[in-house]
């Protein structure tokens, strides 16, 4: 009887798979070490081959070949997959190799921009919550840069009404803004436009 015929078929049963593992370990390790010169990689790939074999043990069909041949097919796929993935990693590293990586100062600058955008969204939400008459005066004065008198003319209201609406809009935005941080400063900057 040849060694291949004496080999136990793969099984998900832990005891049976342990026998299969012991019988096939040197075969798989030899296959892997012929394809890599790193002992750590060889050990990892060998473990991956047996893990895959355990996962696929129910799919073994003796009519399609010996257990060793089945295991060689798994080993070939595992090793090829590893080197394909490794090639992708090397390609990605080469693509970014010439690019400057982020340092602490870059990260801090990005975090500041994220915070500023969050504050701007919060301010926009509070602005959207204003009634349309208050928002219209505020937009014409604070955003478009009109004087209160010109904003009143654009809206077809008198200047005193425009001043009252602008005052109310500013107060509502201030009440809704937290009293600390960048958000409060941005609200104050927006609201300190001369009437």
N, C-alpha and C. Protein backbone atom coordinates (compact mmCIF):
# COMPACT_ATOMS: atom_id res chain seq x y z
N UNK A 1 0.84 -1.18 0.00
CA UNK A 1 0.00 0.00 0.00
C UNK A 1 0.89 1.25 0.00
N UNK A 2 0.57 2.23 -0.86
CA UNK A 2 1.37 3.45 -0.91
C UNK A 2 0.98 4.38 0.24
N UNK A 3 1.81 5.40 0.47
CA UNK A 3 1.55 6.36 1.55
C UNK A 3 0.26 7.12 1.29
N UNK A 4 -0.04 7.40 0.00
CA UNK A 4 -1.25 8.15 -0.31
C UNK A 4 -2.50 7.34 0.01
N UNK A 5 -2.43 6.03 -0.21
CA UNK A 5 -3.59 5.20 0.06
C UNK A 5 -3.82 5.05 1.56
N UNK A 6 -2.77 5.16 2.36
CA UNK A 6 -2.90 5.02 3.80
C UNK A 6 -3.37 6.32 4.46
N UNK A 7 -3.37 7.39 3.71
CA UNK A 7 -3.76 8.68 4.26
C UNK A 7 -5.24 8.68 4.58
N UNK A 8 -5.56 9.18 5.79
CA UNK A 8 -6.96 9.30 6.19
C UNK A 8 -7.60 10.41 5.37
N UNK A 9 -8.83 10.22 4.95
CA UNK A 9 -9.51 11.30 4.22
C UNK A 9 -9.78 12.47 5.18
N UNK A 10 -9.84 13.67 4.62
CA UNK A 10 -10.11 14.82 5.48
C UNK A 10 -11.49 14.72 6.10
N UNK A 11 -11.60 15.19 7.31
CA UNK A 11 -12.87 15.15 8.03
C UNK A 11 -12.93 16.34 8.96
N UNK A 12 -14.14 16.80 9.26
CA UNK A 12 -14.31 17.91 10.21
C UNK A 12 -14.27 17.42 11.65
N UNK A 13 -14.31 16.12 11.83
CA UNK A 13 -14.19 15.54 13.16
C UNK A 13 -12.79 15.88 13.69
N UNK A 14 -12.69 16.50 14.87
CA UNK A 14 -11.38 16.95 15.38
C UNK A 14 -10.34 15.83 15.46
N UNK A 15 -10.72 14.66 15.94
CA UNK A 15 -9.75 13.57 16.07
C UNK A 15 -9.30 13.09 14.70
N UNK A 16 -10.23 12.92 13.78
CA UNK A 16 -9.89 12.46 12.43
C UNK A 16 -9.05 13.50 11.70
N UNK A 17 -9.37 14.79 11.88
CA UNK A 17 -8.59 15.83 11.21
C UNK A 17 -7.20 15.90 11.79
N UNK A 18 -7.06 15.64 13.07
CA UNK A 18 -5.73 15.63 13.69
C UNK A 18 -4.85 14.56 13.06
N UNK A 19 -5.42 13.40 12.79
CA UNK A 19 -4.67 12.32 12.11
C UNK A 19 -4.28 12.78 10.71
N UNK A 20 -5.23 13.35 9.96
CA UNK A 20 -4.97 13.85 8.61
C UNK A 20 -3.87 14.91 8.64
N UNK A 21 -3.95 15.81 9.61
CA UNK A 21 -2.96 16.88 9.75
C UNK A 21 -1.56 16.29 9.94
N UNK A 22 -1.42 15.34 10.87
CA UNK A 22 -0.11 14.75 11.14
C UNK A 22 0.43 14.03 9.90
N UNK A 23 -0.45 13.38 9.17
CA UNK A 23 -0.01 12.64 7.98
C UNK A 23 0.42 13.59 6.86
N UNK A 24 -0.21 14.72 6.73
CA UNK A 24 0.02 15.61 5.60
C UNK A 24 0.90 16.83 5.90
N UNK A 25 1.25 17.04 7.15
CA UNK A 25 1.97 18.25 7.53
C UNK A 25 3.25 18.44 6.72
N UNK A 26 4.11 17.42 6.67
CA UNK A 26 5.38 17.55 5.95
C UNK A 26 5.17 17.81 4.46
N UNK A 27 4.14 17.22 3.90
CA UNK A 27 3.83 17.42 2.49
C UNK A 27 3.48 18.89 2.23
N UNK A 28 2.60 19.43 3.05
CA UNK A 28 2.17 20.82 2.86
C UNK A 28 3.32 21.78 3.15
N UNK A 29 4.05 21.53 4.23
CA UNK A 29 5.18 22.41 4.56
C UNK A 29 6.21 22.39 3.44
N UNK A 30 6.46 21.23 2.85
CA UNK A 30 7.40 21.14 1.73
C UNK A 30 6.91 21.95 0.54
N UNK A 31 5.62 21.84 0.24
CA UNK A 31 5.03 22.60 -0.86
C UNK A 31 5.23 24.10 -0.63
N UNK A 32 4.96 24.55 0.59
CA UNK A 32 5.03 25.97 0.90
C UNK A 32 6.48 26.46 0.91
N UNK A 33 7.39 25.68 1.51
CA UNK A 33 8.79 26.14 1.62
C UNK A 33 9.47 26.18 0.26
N UNK A 34 8.96 25.48 -0.71
CA UNK A 34 9.51 25.58 -2.06
C UNK A 34 9.09 26.88 -2.73
N UNK A 35 8.16 27.59 -2.11
CA UNK A 35 7.62 28.80 -2.72
C UNK A 35 7.90 30.08 -1.94
N UNK A 36 8.53 29.95 -0.78
CA UNK A 36 8.90 31.14 0.00
C UNK A 36 10.18 30.86 0.77
N UNK A 37 10.92 31.93 1.07
CA UNK A 37 12.15 31.75 1.84
C UNK A 37 12.02 32.30 3.26
N UNK A 38 10.81 32.65 3.64
CA UNK A 38 10.57 33.18 4.98
C UNK A 38 9.98 32.08 5.86
N UNK A 39 10.67 31.71 6.95
CA UNK A 39 10.12 30.67 7.82
C UNK A 39 8.79 31.07 8.45
N UNK A 40 8.65 32.34 8.79
CA UNK A 40 7.39 32.80 9.40
C UNK A 40 6.25 32.73 8.40
N UNK A 41 6.52 33.15 7.17
CA UNK A 41 5.49 33.10 6.13
C UNK A 41 5.14 31.65 5.83
N UNK A 42 6.15 30.77 5.78
CA UNK A 42 5.89 29.35 5.52
C UNK A 42 4.98 28.77 6.60
N UNK A 43 5.25 29.10 7.84
CA UNK A 43 4.41 28.60 8.94
C UNK A 43 2.99 29.14 8.83
N UNK A 44 2.86 30.44 8.52
CA UNK A 44 1.53 31.04 8.38
C UNK A 44 0.76 30.41 7.23
N UNK A 45 1.41 30.24 6.09
CA UNK A 45 0.73 29.68 4.94
C UNK A 45 0.34 28.23 5.18
N UNK A 46 1.20 27.47 5.85
CA UNK A 46 0.87 26.08 6.17
C UNK A 46 -0.37 26.02 7.06
N UNK A 47 -0.40 26.89 8.05
CA UNK A 47 -1.58 26.95 8.92
C UNK A 47 -2.83 27.33 8.13
N UNK A 48 -2.69 28.29 7.20
CA UNK A 48 -3.83 28.70 6.38
C UNK A 48 -4.32 27.55 5.50
N UNK A 49 -3.39 26.76 4.98
CA UNK A 49 -3.78 25.62 4.14
C UNK A 49 -4.62 24.64 4.96
N UNK A 50 -4.16 24.31 6.16
CA UNK A 50 -4.91 23.35 6.97
C UNK A 50 -6.23 23.93 7.48
N UNK A 51 -6.25 25.20 7.76
CA UNK A 51 -7.51 25.83 8.17
C UNK A 51 -8.52 25.76 7.02
N UNK A 52 -8.07 26.07 5.82
CA UNK A 52 -8.95 25.99 4.66
C UNK A 52 -9.41 24.55 4.43
N UNK A 53 -8.48 23.60 4.60
CA UNK A 53 -8.83 22.18 4.44
C UNK A 53 -9.90 21.77 5.46
N UNK A 54 -9.76 22.24 6.69
CA UNK A 54 -10.76 21.92 7.71
C UNK A 54 -12.12 22.51 7.33
N UNK A 55 -12.12 23.75 6.86
CA UNK A 55 -13.36 24.40 6.47
C UNK A 55 -14.03 23.71 5.28
N UNK A 56 -13.21 23.14 4.38
CA UNK A 56 -13.74 22.53 3.16
C UNK A 56 -13.79 21.00 3.23
N UNK A 57 -13.55 20.42 4.39
CA UNK A 57 -13.47 18.96 4.52
C UNK A 57 -14.74 18.27 4.05
N UNK A 58 -15.87 18.88 4.27
CA UNK A 58 -17.14 18.26 3.85
C UNK A 58 -17.25 18.19 2.33
N UNK A 59 -16.48 19.01 1.63
CA UNK A 59 -16.53 19.03 0.17
C UNK A 59 -15.56 18.06 -0.49
N UNK A 60 -14.78 17.34 0.29
CA UNK A 60 -13.82 16.39 -0.30
C UNK A 60 -14.58 15.25 -0.97
N UNK A 61 -14.17 14.94 -2.20
CA UNK A 61 -14.78 13.86 -2.97
C UNK A 61 -13.66 12.92 -3.42
N UNK A 62 -13.62 11.72 -2.87
CA UNK A 62 -12.56 10.75 -3.16
C UNK A 62 -12.52 10.39 -4.64
N UNK A 63 -13.63 10.53 -5.37
CA UNK A 63 -13.65 10.20 -6.79
C UNK A 63 -12.82 11.18 -7.62
N UNK A 64 -12.57 12.36 -7.05
CA UNK A 64 -11.84 13.40 -7.79
C UNK A 64 -10.34 13.36 -7.51
N UNK A 65 -9.90 12.49 -6.62
CA UNK A 65 -8.47 12.38 -6.36
C UNK A 65 -8.18 12.01 -4.92
N UNK A 66 -6.93 11.80 -4.65
CA UNK A 66 -6.52 11.41 -3.31
C UNK A 66 -6.60 12.59 -2.36
N UNK A 67 -6.60 12.33 -1.06
CA UNK A 67 -6.58 13.45 -0.11
C UNK A 67 -5.36 14.36 -0.31
N UNK A 68 -4.23 13.78 -0.64
CA UNK A 68 -3.03 14.59 -0.86
C UNK A 68 -3.21 15.51 -2.06
N UNK A 69 -3.78 15.00 -3.13
CA UNK A 69 -4.01 15.83 -4.32
C UNK A 69 -4.99 16.95 -4.00
N UNK A 70 -6.04 16.63 -3.25
CA UNK A 70 -7.01 17.64 -2.82
C UNK A 70 -6.32 18.72 -2.00
N UNK A 71 -5.43 18.29 -1.10
CA UNK A 71 -4.72 19.22 -0.24
C UNK A 71 -3.74 20.08 -1.05
N UNK A 72 -3.09 19.50 -2.07
CA UNK A 72 -2.21 20.27 -2.94
C UNK A 72 -2.99 21.37 -3.67
N UNK A 73 -4.19 21.05 -4.08
CA UNK A 73 -5.02 22.07 -4.74
C UNK A 73 -5.33 23.22 -3.80
N UNK A 74 -5.65 22.89 -2.57
CA UNK A 74 -5.91 23.94 -1.57
C UNK A 74 -4.66 24.76 -1.33
N UNK A 75 -3.52 24.05 -1.17
CA UNK A 75 -2.26 24.74 -0.89
C UNK A 75 -1.89 25.69 -2.04
N UNK A 76 -2.09 25.23 -3.26
CA UNK A 76 -1.79 26.07 -4.42
C UNK A 76 -2.63 27.34 -4.39
N UNK A 77 -3.92 27.21 -4.10
CA UNK A 77 -4.81 28.38 -4.05
C UNK A 77 -4.45 29.32 -2.91
N UNK A 78 -4.13 28.79 -1.74
CA UNK A 78 -3.78 29.62 -0.59
C UNK A 78 -2.50 30.41 -0.86
N UNK A 79 -1.49 29.73 -1.39
CA UNK A 79 -0.21 30.40 -1.68
C UNK A 79 -0.40 31.45 -2.77
N UNK A 80 -1.12 31.10 -3.83
CA UNK A 80 -1.35 32.06 -4.91
C UNK A 80 -2.13 33.27 -4.41
N UNK A 81 -3.14 33.03 -3.59
CA UNK A 81 -3.92 34.13 -3.03
C UNK A 81 -3.06 35.05 -2.19
N UNK A 82 -2.18 34.46 -1.39
CA UNK A 82 -1.29 35.28 -0.56
C UNK A 82 -0.42 36.17 -1.43
N UNK A 83 0.19 35.61 -2.46
CA UNK A 83 1.10 36.40 -3.29
C UNK A 83 0.36 37.43 -4.14
N UNK A 84 -0.87 37.13 -4.53
CA UNK A 84 -1.68 38.15 -5.22
C UNK A 84 -1.96 39.31 -4.28
N UNK A 85 -2.35 38.98 -3.05
CA UNK A 85 -2.61 40.03 -2.06
C UNK A 85 -1.35 40.82 -1.75
N UNK A 86 -0.23 40.14 -1.66
CA UNK A 86 1.04 40.80 -1.39
C UNK A 86 1.40 41.74 -2.54
N UNK A 87 1.16 41.29 -3.77
CA UNK A 87 1.44 42.14 -4.93
C UNK A 87 0.57 43.39 -4.90
N UNK A 88 -0.71 43.24 -4.51
CA UNK A 88 -1.60 44.41 -4.40
C UNK A 88 -1.08 45.39 -3.34
N UNK A 89 -0.62 44.84 -2.20
CA UNK A 89 -0.08 45.70 -1.15
C UNK A 89 1.15 46.46 -1.63
N UNK A 90 2.04 45.76 -2.33
CA UNK A 90 3.25 46.41 -2.84
C UNK A 90 2.90 47.48 -3.87
N UNK A 91 1.92 47.19 -4.70
CA UNK A 91 1.48 48.17 -5.70
C UNK A 91 0.89 49.40 -5.01
N UNK A 92 0.06 49.18 -4.00
CA UNK A 92 -0.54 50.30 -3.26
C UNK A 92 0.55 51.11 -2.55
N UNK A 93 1.52 50.42 -1.96
CA UNK A 93 2.62 51.12 -1.27
C UNK A 93 3.43 51.93 -2.26
N UNK A 94 3.65 51.39 -3.46
CA UNK A 94 4.40 52.12 -4.48
C UNK A 94 3.64 53.37 -4.93
N UNK A 95 2.29 53.24 -5.03
CA UNK A 95 1.49 54.39 -5.46
C UNK A 95 1.56 55.54 -4.46
N UNK A 96 1.56 55.20 -3.18
CA UNK A 96 1.59 56.28 -2.19
C UNK A 96 3.01 56.59 -1.73
N UNK A 97 3.98 55.84 -2.22
CA UNK A 97 5.37 56.01 -1.79
C UNK A 97 5.89 57.42 -1.98
N UNK A 98 5.51 58.07 -3.05
CA UNK A 98 6.00 59.41 -3.32
C UNK A 98 5.18 60.50 -2.66
N UNK A 99 4.15 60.11 -1.96
CA UNK A 99 3.28 61.10 -1.32
C UNK A 99 3.65 61.28 0.13
N UNK A 100 3.52 62.49 0.57
CA UNK A 100 3.82 62.81 1.96
C UNK A 100 2.73 62.25 2.85
N UNK A 101 3.13 61.59 3.92
CA UNK A 101 2.17 61.07 4.88
C UNK A 101 1.78 62.19 5.84
N UNK A 102 0.67 62.03 6.52
CA UNK A 102 0.19 63.05 7.45
C UNK A 102 1.03 63.03 8.73
N UNK A 103 1.43 64.21 9.16
CA UNK A 103 2.09 64.30 10.46
C UNK A 103 1.08 64.85 11.48
N UNK A 104 1.52 65.03 12.72
CA UNK A 104 0.61 65.48 13.77
C UNK A 104 -0.02 66.83 13.45
N UNK A 105 0.75 67.70 12.83
CA UNK A 105 0.24 69.03 12.48
C UNK A 105 -0.86 68.92 11.42
N UNK A 106 -0.65 68.03 10.44
CA UNK A 106 -1.67 67.81 9.40
C UNK A 106 -2.95 67.26 10.02
N UNK A 107 -2.81 66.29 10.91
CA UNK A 107 -3.98 65.69 11.56
C UNK A 107 -4.73 66.75 12.36
N UNK A 108 -4.00 67.60 13.08
CA UNK A 108 -4.64 68.66 13.86
C UNK A 108 -5.40 69.62 12.95
N UNK A 109 -4.81 69.95 11.79
CA UNK A 109 -5.46 70.87 10.86
C UNK A 109 -6.75 70.24 10.30
N UNK A 110 -6.70 68.95 10.01
CA UNK A 110 -7.89 68.28 9.50
C UNK A 110 -8.97 68.22 10.57
N UNK A 111 -8.57 67.95 11.81
CA UNK A 111 -9.54 67.92 12.90
C UNK A 111 -10.19 69.29 13.08
N UNK A 112 -9.41 70.38 12.94
CA UNK A 112 -9.97 71.72 13.05
C UNK A 112 -11.01 71.97 11.95
N UNK A 113 -10.70 71.50 10.75
CA UNK A 113 -11.65 71.68 9.64
C UNK A 113 -12.93 70.90 9.88
N UNK A 114 -12.79 69.70 10.43
CA UNK A 114 -13.97 68.90 10.74
C UNK A 114 -14.82 69.60 11.79
N UNK A 115 -14.14 70.13 12.84
CA UNK A 115 -14.87 70.87 13.88
C UNK A 115 -15.55 72.10 13.31
N UNK A 116 -14.85 72.83 12.44
CA UNK A 116 -15.43 74.03 11.84
C UNK A 116 -16.65 73.67 10.99
N UNK A 117 -16.55 72.59 10.25
CA UNK A 117 -17.68 72.17 9.42
C UNK A 117 -18.86 71.76 10.31
N UNK A 118 -18.58 71.10 11.43
CA UNK A 118 -19.65 70.72 12.36
C UNK A 118 -20.32 71.97 12.90
N UNK A 119 -19.51 72.98 13.27
CA UNK A 119 -20.06 74.23 13.79
C UNK A 119 -20.90 74.93 12.72
N UNK A 120 -20.40 74.91 11.48
CA UNK A 120 -21.14 75.56 10.40
C UNK A 120 -22.49 74.87 10.17
N UNK A 121 -22.50 73.54 10.24
CA UNK A 121 -23.76 72.82 10.08
C UNK A 121 -24.73 73.14 11.20
N UNK A 122 -24.20 73.24 12.42
CA UNK A 122 -25.07 73.57 13.56
C UNK A 122 -25.64 74.98 13.41
N UNK A 123 -24.80 75.91 12.96
CA UNK A 123 -25.26 77.28 12.75
C UNK A 123 -26.31 77.32 11.63
N UNK A 124 -26.07 76.56 10.57
CA UNK A 124 -27.03 76.52 9.48
C UNK A 124 -28.37 75.95 9.94
N UNK A 125 -28.33 74.95 10.82
CA UNK A 125 -29.58 74.38 11.34
C UNK A 125 -30.34 75.41 12.17
N UNK A 126 -29.61 76.16 13.00
CA UNK A 126 -30.28 77.19 13.80
C UNK A 126 -30.82 78.30 12.90
N UNK A 127 -30.06 78.63 11.87
CA UNK A 127 -30.49 79.65 10.92
C UNK A 127 -31.78 79.20 10.23
N UNK A 128 -31.83 77.94 9.84
CA UNK A 128 -33.01 77.40 9.16
C UNK A 128 -34.23 77.38 10.08
N UNK A 129 -34.00 77.32 11.39
CA UNK A 129 -35.11 77.29 12.33
C UNK A 129 -35.74 78.66 12.55
N UNK A 130 -35.06 79.71 12.12
CA UNK A 130 -35.64 81.06 12.24
C UNK A 130 -36.87 81.19 11.36
N UNK A 131 -37.78 82.04 11.78
CA UNK A 131 -38.94 82.29 10.92
C UNK A 131 -38.45 82.99 9.65
N UNK A 132 -39.23 82.86 8.59
CA UNK A 132 -38.81 83.42 7.30
C UNK A 132 -38.59 84.92 7.36
N UNK A 133 -39.43 85.72 8.02
CA UNK A 133 -39.18 87.17 8.06
C UNK A 133 -37.87 87.52 8.77
N UNK A 134 -37.56 86.81 9.87
CA UNK A 134 -36.31 87.08 10.57
C UNK A 134 -35.11 86.64 9.73
N UNK A 135 -35.23 85.47 9.13
CA UNK A 135 -34.14 84.94 8.32
C UNK A 135 -33.88 85.85 7.11
N UNK A 136 -34.91 86.38 6.50
CA UNK A 136 -34.75 87.23 5.32
C UNK A 136 -33.94 88.48 5.64
N UNK A 137 -34.28 89.14 6.75
CA UNK A 137 -33.52 90.35 7.14
C UNK A 137 -32.08 89.97 7.48
N UNK A 138 -31.90 88.93 8.27
CA UNK A 138 -30.56 88.51 8.67
C UNK A 138 -29.70 88.19 7.45
N UNK A 139 -30.26 87.46 6.48
CA UNK A 139 -29.50 87.10 5.28
C UNK A 139 -29.08 88.33 4.49
N UNK A 140 -30.01 89.25 4.31
CA UNK A 140 -29.67 90.45 3.52
C UNK A 140 -28.60 91.29 4.21
N UNK A 141 -28.64 91.36 5.53
CA UNK A 141 -27.66 92.19 6.25
C UNK A 141 -26.35 91.43 6.47
N UNK A 142 -26.42 90.24 7.07
CA UNK A 142 -25.22 89.52 7.48
C UNK A 142 -24.54 88.79 6.32
N UNK A 143 -25.31 88.26 5.41
CA UNK A 143 -24.72 87.47 4.32
C UNK A 143 -24.48 88.33 3.09
N UNK A 144 -25.50 89.10 2.70
CA UNK A 144 -25.38 89.87 1.47
C UNK A 144 -24.73 91.24 1.67
N UNK A 145 -24.56 91.65 2.93
CA UNK A 145 -23.84 92.89 3.22
C UNK A 145 -24.63 94.17 3.02
N UNK A 146 -25.96 94.08 2.95
CA UNK A 146 -26.77 95.29 2.82
C UNK A 146 -26.88 95.98 4.18
N UNK A 147 -27.14 97.25 4.13
CA UNK A 147 -27.46 97.96 5.37
C UNK A 147 -28.89 97.58 5.75
N UNK A 148 -29.25 97.87 7.00
CA UNK A 148 -30.60 97.55 7.44
C UNK A 148 -31.61 98.33 6.59
N UNK A 149 -31.29 99.56 6.30
CA UNK A 149 -32.19 100.39 5.48
C UNK A 149 -32.38 99.78 4.09
N UNK A 150 -31.27 99.33 3.45
CA UNK A 150 -31.38 98.73 2.12
C UNK A 150 -32.11 97.38 2.17
N UNK A 151 -31.88 96.62 3.25
CA UNK A 151 -32.58 95.35 3.42
C UNK A 151 -34.08 95.60 3.56
N UNK A 152 -34.43 96.66 4.32
CA UNK A 152 -35.85 97.00 4.50
C UNK A 152 -36.49 97.34 3.16
N UNK A 153 -35.77 98.10 2.34
CA UNK A 153 -36.29 98.45 1.02
C UNK A 153 -36.47 97.21 0.16
N UNK A 154 -35.48 96.29 0.21
CA UNK A 154 -35.55 95.07 -0.59
C UNK A 154 -36.74 94.20 -0.18
N UNK A 155 -37.08 94.26 1.11
CA UNK A 155 -38.17 93.43 1.62
C UNK A 155 -39.52 94.16 1.59
N UNK A 156 -39.48 95.44 1.30
CA UNK A 156 -40.74 96.20 1.25
C UNK A 156 -41.29 96.48 2.63
N UNK A 157 -40.42 96.65 3.63
CA UNK A 157 -40.85 96.98 4.99
C UNK A 157 -40.11 98.24 5.42
N UNK A 158 -40.56 98.84 6.52
CA UNK A 158 -39.85 100.05 6.96
C UNK A 158 -38.59 99.66 7.74
N UNK A 159 -37.69 100.60 7.89
CA UNK A 159 -36.38 100.35 8.49
C UNK A 159 -36.51 99.94 9.96
N UNK A 160 -37.48 100.51 10.68
CA UNK A 160 -37.66 100.15 12.10
C UNK A 160 -38.06 98.67 12.22
N UNK A 161 -38.93 98.20 11.36
CA UNK A 161 -39.34 96.80 11.38
C UNK A 161 -38.14 95.90 11.06
N UNK A 162 -37.34 96.31 10.09
CA UNK A 162 -36.15 95.53 9.72
C UNK A 162 -35.19 95.44 10.90
N UNK A 163 -34.99 96.55 11.63
CA UNK A 163 -34.09 96.54 12.80
C UNK A 163 -34.60 95.59 13.88
N UNK A 164 -35.90 95.63 14.13
CA UNK A 164 -36.49 94.75 15.15
C UNK A 164 -36.31 93.30 14.73
N UNK A 165 -36.58 92.98 13.49
CA UNK A 165 -36.43 91.59 13.01
C UNK A 165 -34.97 91.14 13.10
N UNK A 166 -34.05 92.03 12.71
CA UNK A 166 -32.63 91.69 12.78
C UNK A 166 -32.23 91.44 14.23
N UNK A 167 -32.70 92.28 15.13
CA UNK A 167 -32.38 92.12 16.55
C UNK A 167 -32.93 90.79 17.07
N UNK A 168 -34.15 90.45 16.72
CA UNK A 168 -34.75 89.19 17.15
C UNK A 168 -33.98 87.98 16.58
N UNK A 169 -33.62 88.07 15.31
CA UNK A 169 -32.88 86.97 14.67
C UNK A 169 -31.55 86.76 15.37
N UNK A 170 -30.84 87.84 15.64
CA UNK A 170 -29.55 87.73 16.34
C UNK A 170 -29.73 87.12 17.73
N UNK A 171 -30.73 87.57 18.45
CA UNK A 171 -30.96 87.04 19.79
C UNK A 171 -31.30 85.55 19.76
N UNK A 172 -32.13 85.14 18.80
CA UNK A 172 -32.49 83.73 18.71
C UNK A 172 -31.28 82.87 18.39
N UNK A 173 -30.42 83.35 17.51
CA UNK A 173 -29.22 82.59 17.18
C UNK A 173 -28.27 82.53 18.38
N UNK A 174 -28.15 83.62 19.09
CA UNK A 174 -27.27 83.63 20.28
C UNK A 174 -27.79 82.68 21.35
N UNK A 175 -29.10 82.67 21.57
CA UNK A 175 -29.68 81.79 22.58
C UNK A 175 -29.46 80.33 22.23
N UNK A 176 -29.51 80.02 20.95
CA UNK A 176 -29.36 78.62 20.52
C UNK A 176 -27.91 78.17 20.50
N UNK A 177 -26.96 79.13 20.47
CA UNK A 177 -25.54 78.78 20.38
C UNK A 177 -24.98 78.48 21.76
N UNK A 178 -24.11 77.48 21.86
CA UNK A 178 -23.43 77.25 23.14
C UNK A 178 -22.55 78.45 23.46
N UNK A 179 -22.31 78.68 24.73
CA UNK A 179 -21.57 79.88 25.15
C UNK A 179 -20.06 79.71 25.11
N UNK A 180 -19.56 78.59 24.63
CA UNK A 180 -18.11 78.39 24.54
C UNK A 180 -17.77 77.82 23.18
N UNK A 181 -16.52 77.96 22.80
CA UNK A 181 -16.00 77.30 21.60
C UNK A 181 -16.16 78.10 20.34
N UNK A 182 -15.66 77.52 19.28
CA UNK A 182 -15.64 78.14 17.96
C UNK A 182 -17.03 78.50 17.48
N UNK A 183 -18.01 77.64 17.80
CA UNK A 183 -19.36 77.86 17.32
C UNK A 183 -19.90 79.20 17.83
N UNK A 184 -19.70 79.51 19.09
CA UNK A 184 -20.17 80.76 19.66
C UNK A 184 -19.47 81.94 18.98
N UNK A 185 -18.17 81.79 18.73
CA UNK A 185 -17.43 82.86 18.06
C UNK A 185 -17.96 83.10 16.65
N UNK A 186 -18.27 82.01 15.92
CA UNK A 186 -18.79 82.18 14.56
C UNK A 186 -20.16 82.84 14.57
N UNK A 187 -20.98 82.51 15.56
CA UNK A 187 -22.29 83.16 15.68
C UNK A 187 -22.10 84.64 15.96
N UNK A 188 -21.22 84.97 16.88
CA UNK A 188 -20.98 86.38 17.19
C UNK A 188 -20.44 87.13 15.99
N UNK A 189 -19.54 86.52 15.23
CA UNK A 189 -19.01 87.18 14.04
C UNK A 189 -20.15 87.48 13.07
N UNK A 190 -21.02 86.52 12.87
CA UNK A 190 -22.15 86.71 11.97
C UNK A 190 -23.09 87.78 12.48
N UNK A 191 -23.25 87.83 13.78
CA UNK A 191 -24.26 88.72 14.35
C UNK A 191 -23.76 90.14 14.63
N UNK A 192 -22.47 90.35 14.56
CA UNK A 192 -21.95 91.67 14.88
C UNK A 192 -21.90 92.61 13.69
N UNK A 193 -22.61 92.28 12.65
CA UNK A 193 -22.68 93.17 11.48
C UNK A 193 -23.40 94.43 11.91
N UNK A 194 -22.90 95.55 11.48
CA UNK A 194 -23.52 96.84 11.87
C UNK A 194 -24.92 96.95 11.32
N UNK A 195 -25.87 97.43 12.14
CA UNK A 195 -27.27 97.55 11.69
C UNK A 195 -27.47 98.64 10.69
